[in-house]
Amino acid sequence: MGAPAELVLATANPGKVRELRRLIAEWGPVGVRSLAGWSHVVLPPEDGATYEENAVAKARAVSEATGLAALGDDSGLEVVGLDGGPGVRSARYAATDEARIEKLLTALRGRGEAARVARFVCVVALAWPDGRVDTAVGECHGRIAERPRGEGGFGYDPVFVVDELGVTFAEASSAEKEARSHRGRAVRALGERLAAD
């Protein structure tokens, strides 16, 4: 079937919008629209028990409201020393990016390297107007730094040291991040699946 000719991003996060636009461009000529044109669309709360539940709920809500294919995603940071937390509640771990990072670093203060081992997980869901949904998963492995480093990215990027790079996502270039990130891997896997159908 291939990728849709046009889709809407089921997110209000400007950092995700920028990143997803660049990643979806790898699929070929797909018209990517943000939610800005649909002020009446309300994203559902991210209260699912899994990343997939949240991603699918957002994608379906936006597809039903706009009549177009919609791409939703949900992702989280899973830290060994926090028993896999904050996990699916990563975005709600605290009120702001800065507060989330501070809470995370406080929870890990004085803990050894083994406790700082972490991974990012992302599930993307593409909901079609006919009700079908395609999903894909991506992961990126690393560890939590002792303090924030770098000026780029968003969310937990300043404290997530990527195993493959040896720097935080906030220190990496956009190209370096997108080549290795959990979101990049999930979107590429979905694109490959669509191309194979």
Protein backbone atom coordinates (compact mmCIF):
# COMPACT_ATOMS: atom_id res chain seq x y z
CA MET A 1 0.00 0.00 0.00
CA GLY A 2 2.87 2.37 0.74
CA ALA A 3 2.93 5.58 2.75
CA PRO A 4 -0.04 7.96 2.71
CA ALA A 5 0.12 10.97 0.39
CA GLU A 6 -0.63 13.19 3.37
CA LEU A 7 -0.70 12.78 7.13
CA VAL A 8 -1.24 14.83 10.28
CA LEU A 9 1.12 14.67 13.25
CA ALA A 10 -0.76 13.81 16.43
CA THR A 11 1.39 15.91 18.74
CA ALA A 12 1.48 19.45 20.09
CA ASN A 13 5.19 19.18 21.00
CA PRO A 14 7.15 21.49 18.64
CA GLY A 15 10.37 19.51 19.15
CA LYS A 16 8.64 16.31 18.06
CA VAL A 17 7.02 18.07 15.09
CA ARG A 18 10.42 19.21 13.77
CA GLU A 19 12.00 15.80 14.31
CA LEU A 20 9.10 13.83 12.82
CA ARG A 21 8.93 16.06 9.71
CA ARG A 22 12.59 15.31 8.93
CA LEU A 23 12.20 11.59 9.60
CA ILE A 24 9.03 11.16 7.54
CA ALA A 25 10.76 12.95 4.64
CA GLU A 26 12.89 9.78 4.35
CA TRP A 27 9.75 7.89 3.27
CA GLY A 28 9.47 9.97 0.11
CA PRO A 29 6.94 12.64 -0.95
CA VAL A 30 4.51 12.68 1.99
CA GLY A 31 2.67 15.90 2.87
CA VAL A 32 3.15 16.34 6.61
CA ARG A 33 0.76 18.64 8.45
CA SER A 34 0.79 19.77 12.06
CA LEU A 35 -2.25 20.13 14.30
CA ALA A 36 -2.07 23.92 13.89
CA GLY A 37 -4.77 23.83 11.21
CA TRP A 38 -7.25 21.99 13.42
CA SER A 39 -7.87 24.03 16.54
CA HIS A 40 -10.86 21.84 17.46
CA VAL A 41 -8.77 18.66 17.76
CA VAL A 42 -8.11 17.60 21.33
CA LEU A 43 -5.46 14.98 21.97
CA PRO A 44 -6.54 12.25 24.40
CA PRO A 45 -4.76 12.00 27.77
CA GLU A 46 -1.70 9.73 27.80
CA ASP A 47 -3.14 7.43 30.42
CA GLY A 48 -2.57 4.09 28.70
CA ALA A 49 -0.57 1.35 30.38
CA THR A 50 1.83 1.05 27.42
CA TYR A 51 3.52 3.27 24.85
CA GLU A 52 1.52 1.54 22.12
CA GLU A 53 -1.83 2.28 23.77
CA ASN A 54 -0.97 5.98 24.02
CA ALA A 55 0.42 6.24 20.47
CA VAL A 56 -2.59 4.47 18.96
CA ALA A 57 -5.08 6.56 20.95
CA LYS A 58 -3.52 9.83 19.75
CA ALA A 59 -3.26 8.69 16.13
CA ARG A 60 -6.86 7.42 16.03
CA ALA A 61 -8.27 10.58 17.65
CA VAL A 62 -6.54 12.84 15.13
CA SER A 63 -7.38 10.66 12.12
CA GLU A 64 -11.06 10.56 13.12
CA ALA A 65 -11.15 14.33 13.68
CA THR A 66 -9.37 15.29 10.45
CA GLY A 67 -10.34 12.50 8.05
CA LEU A 68 -6.66 12.04 7.18
CA ALA A 69 -4.02 9.51 8.14
CA ALA A 70 -2.41 10.51 11.44
CA LEU A 71 0.88 9.62 13.06
CA GLY A 72 1.04 9.43 16.84
CA ASP A 73 3.91 8.41 19.03
CA ASP A 74 4.66 7.77 22.65
CA SER A 75 8.06 7.32 24.15
CA GLY A 76 9.73 7.02 27.49
CA LEU A 77 12.98 6.75 29.35
CA GLU A 78 13.59 3.51 31.23
CA VAL A 79 16.35 3.59 33.86
CA VAL A 80 17.73 0.45 35.54
CA GLY A 81 18.15 2.17 38.91
CA LEU A 82 14.52 3.28 38.85
CA ASP A 83 13.22 -0.23 38.07
CA GLY A 84 12.47 0.80 34.51
CA GLY A 85 10.96 4.15 35.47
CA PRO A 86 9.88 6.72 34.68
CA GLY A 87 8.83 4.64 31.64
CA VAL A 88 5.39 5.29 30.21
CA ARG A 89 5.01 8.18 32.69
CA SER A 90 8.17 9.95 31.50
CA ALA A 91 6.34 13.03 30.21
CA ARG A 92 4.41 13.30 33.49
CA TYR A 93 7.35 12.60 35.83
CA ALA A 94 7.36 16.33 36.71
CA ALA A 95 5.84 19.54 35.34
CA THR A 96 8.65 20.75 33.01
CA ASP A 97 11.67 19.34 31.19
CA GLU A 98 13.97 21.00 33.74
CA ALA A 99 11.99 19.64 36.68
CA ARG A 100 11.92 16.14 35.18
CA ILE A 101 15.71 16.16 34.73
CA GLU A 102 16.27 17.45 38.26
CA LYS A 103 13.99 14.79 39.75
CA LEU A 104 15.75 12.08 37.74
CA LEU A 105 19.24 13.21 38.76
CA THR A 106 18.19 13.51 42.41
CA ALA A 107 16.82 9.95 42.35
CA LEU A 108 20.14 8.67 40.95
CA ARG A 109 22.48 10.80 43.07
CA GLY A 110 25.21 8.66 44.63
CA ARG A 111 24.19 5.58 42.63
CA GLY A 112 26.77 3.62 40.66
CA GLU A 113 27.10 3.25 36.90
CA ALA A 114 24.93 0.12 36.83
CA ALA A 115 21.97 2.14 38.15
CA ARG A 116 22.46 4.74 35.39
CA VAL A 117 22.07 2.28 32.51
CA ALA A 118 19.03 3.38 30.51
CA ARG A 119 17.18 3.14 27.25
CA PHE A 120 14.72 5.26 25.33
CA VAL A 121 11.76 3.41 23.81
CA CYS A 122 9.37 4.82 21.20
CA VAL A 123 6.25 3.40 19.57
CA VAL A 124 4.83 5.13 16.50
CA ALA A 125 1.31 4.47 15.28
CA LEU A 126 -0.13 5.42 11.89
CA ALA A 127 -3.93 5.49 11.94
CA TRP A 128 -5.66 5.42 8.56
CA PRO A 129 -9.10 6.94 7.86
CA ASP A 130 -10.53 3.44 7.34
CA GLY A 131 -9.62 2.49 10.92
CA ARG A 132 -6.49 0.45 10.24
CA VAL A 133 -3.43 1.11 12.42
CA ASP A 134 0.21 0.27 11.71
CA THR A 135 2.77 0.43 14.52
CA ALA A 136 6.53 0.11 14.94
CA VAL A 137 8.98 0.23 17.85
CA GLY A 138 12.45 1.76 18.20
CA GLU A 139 14.99 1.71 21.03
CA CYS A 140 18.20 3.55 21.87
CA HIS A 141 20.56 2.44 24.63
CA GLY A 142 22.71 4.60 26.88
CA ARG A 143 23.17 5.85 30.41
CA ILE A 144 22.21 8.83 32.53
CA ALA A 145 24.89 11.52 32.92
CA GLU A 146 25.56 13.07 36.34
CA ARG A 147 24.61 16.53 35.07
CA PRO A 148 22.96 18.01 31.96
CA ARG A 149 25.25 18.55 28.94
CA GLY A 150 24.59 20.26 25.61
CA GLU A 151 22.15 22.79 24.24
CA GLY A 152 20.20 20.82 21.62
CA GLY A 153 17.25 18.47 21.70
CA PHE A 154 14.41 18.46 24.20
CA GLY A 155 13.07 16.41 27.09
CA TYR A 156 15.69 14.18 28.72
CA ASP A 157 18.21 14.70 25.87
CA PRO A 158 20.72 16.70 28.03
CA VAL A 159 21.24 13.79 30.44
CA PHE A 160 21.00 10.77 28.11
CA VAL A 161 24.47 9.66 26.98
CA VAL A 162 24.08 7.56 23.83
CA ASP A 163 26.20 4.38 23.85
CA GLU A 164 26.97 4.70 20.12
CA LEU A 165 28.09 8.34 20.40
CA GLY A 166 29.57 8.82 23.87
CA VAL A 167 27.80 12.20 24.14
CA THR A 168 24.31 13.26 25.19
CA PHE A 169 21.59 13.71 22.62
CA ALA A 170 21.71 17.42 23.48
CA GLU A 171 25.40 17.49 22.47
CA ALA A 172 24.83 15.55 19.24
CA SER A 173 23.94 17.12 15.90
CA SER A 174 20.40 16.70 14.56
CA ALA A 175 21.71 14.23 11.98
CA GLU A 176 23.57 12.20 14.61
CA LYS A 177 20.49 12.10 16.84
CA GLU A 178 18.04 11.17 14.11
CA ALA A 179 20.30 8.38 12.85
CA ARG A 180 20.33 6.70 16.26
CA SER A 181 17.33 7.88 18.25
CA HIS A 182 14.48 5.64 19.39
CA ARG A 183 12.03 7.84 17.46
CA GLY A 184 14.19 7.74 14.32
CA ARG A 185 14.41 3.96 14.49
CA ALA A 186 10.67 3.59 15.03
CA VAL A 187 9.75 5.91 12.13
CA ARG A 188 12.23 4.17 9.81
CA ALA A 189 10.87 0.75 10.77
CA LEU A 190 7.34 1.94 10.05
CA GLY A 191 8.43 3.41 6.71
CA GLU A 192 10.05 0.11 5.74
CA ARG A 193 6.89 -1.78 6.66
CA LEU A 194 4.73 0.56 4.60
CA ALA A 195 7.06 0.29 1.62
CA ALA A 196 6.95 -3.52 1.80
CA ASP A 197 3.13 -3.70 1.81
